[in-house]
């Protein structure tokens, strides 16, 4: 993956970068799927953690958009 990122920054190949992103999320999906199947894993708390991450990203984006709106008025 390190060599692939080197090619991306060197030649800016969009297909290679998209391939790496898809590959990364495929691995993440396999890890989450395997983790959810474990008997000790509680999916409720996992989903609440993911939801809180999404909610905090949304609140941060909203806060930054409002801050930029204030800066543009002055």
Protein backbone atom coordinates (compact mmCIF):
# COMPACT_ATOMS: atom_id res chain seq x y z
CA UNK A 1 0.00 0.00 0.00
CA UNK A 2 2.90 2.32 0.65
CA UNK A 3 4.15 1.89 -2.91
CA UNK A 4 0.63 2.46 -4.24
CA UNK A 5 0.32 5.75 -2.35
CA UNK A 6 3.72 6.73 -3.77
CA UNK A 7 2.38 6.15 -7.29
CA UNK A 8 -0.71 8.20 -6.49
CA UNK A 9 1.28 11.20 -5.33
CA UNK A 10 3.82 10.82 -8.13
CA UNK A 11 1.54 10.33 -11.12
CA UNK A 12 -1.89 11.22 -9.72
CA UNK A 13 -3.59 8.11 -11.07
CA UNK A 14 -7.24 8.38 -10.09
CA UNK A 15 -8.01 4.73 -10.82
CA UNK A 16 -5.27 3.55 -8.50
CA UNK A 17 -6.43 5.80 -5.68
CA UNK A 18 -10.04 4.65 -6.07
CA UNK A 19 -8.86 1.05 -6.07
CA UNK A 20 -6.96 1.55 -2.83
CA UNK A 21 -9.97 3.22 -1.21
CA UNK A 22 -12.28 0.38 -2.28
CA UNK A 23 -9.76 -2.20 -1.07
CA UNK A 24 -9.44 -0.44 2.30
CA UNK A 25 -13.19 -0.35 2.88
CA UNK A 26 -13.54 -3.97 1.80
CA UNK A 27 -11.04 -4.97 4.47
CA UNK A 28 -12.85 -2.81 7.03
CA UNK A 29 -16.15 -4.47 6.10
CA UNK A 30 -14.68 -7.94 6.52
CA UNK A 31 -13.26 -6.99 9.92
CA UNK A 32 -16.60 -5.56 11.11
CA UNK A 33 -18.51 -8.58 9.76
CA UNK A 34 -16.15 -10.96 11.57
CA UNK A 35 -16.33 -8.92 14.77
CA UNK A 36 -20.12 -8.80 14.80
CA UNK A 37 -20.29 -12.60 14.59
CA UNK A 38 -18.33 -13.00 17.85
CA UNK A 39 -20.50 -14.08 20.81
CA UNK A 40 -18.95 -11.55 23.22
CA UNK A 41 -19.53 -8.61 20.87
CA UNK A 42 -22.55 -6.43 21.70
CA UNK A 43 -23.89 -4.82 18.53
CA UNK A 44 -25.97 -2.26 20.43
CA UNK A 45 -22.94 -0.51 21.91
CA UNK A 46 -21.03 -0.76 18.64
CA UNK A 47 -23.87 0.88 16.72
CA UNK A 48 -24.21 3.59 19.39
CA UNK A 49 -20.49 4.31 19.08
CA UNK A 50 -20.67 4.58 15.29
CA UNK A 51 -23.77 6.78 15.56
CA UNK A 52 -22.02 9.08 18.02
CA UNK A 53 -19.07 9.38 15.65
CA UNK A 54 -21.36 10.34 12.76
CA UNK A 55 -23.30 12.77 14.96
CA UNK A 56 -20.13 14.45 16.21
CA UNK A 57 -18.83 14.83 12.63
CA UNK A 58 -22.14 16.42 11.63
CA UNK A 59 -22.09 18.83 14.59
CA UNK A 60 -18.48 19.78 13.86
CA UNK A 61 -19.28 20.42 10.21
CA UNK A 62 -22.29 22.53 11.15
CA UNK A 63 -20.23 24.50 13.66
CA UNK A 64 -17.51 25.17 11.09
CA UNK A 65 -20.06 26.21 8.45
CA UNK A 66 -21.65 28.67 10.86
CA UNK A 67 -18.22 30.03 11.82
CA UNK A 68 -17.33 30.57 8.16
CA UNK A 69 -20.68 32.27 7.64
CA UNK A 70 -19.87 34.75 10.43
CA UNK A 71 -16.42 35.43 8.97
CA UNK A 72 -17.89 36.17 5.52
CA UNK A 73 -20.37 38.78 6.88
CA UNK A 74 -17.69 41.03 8.39
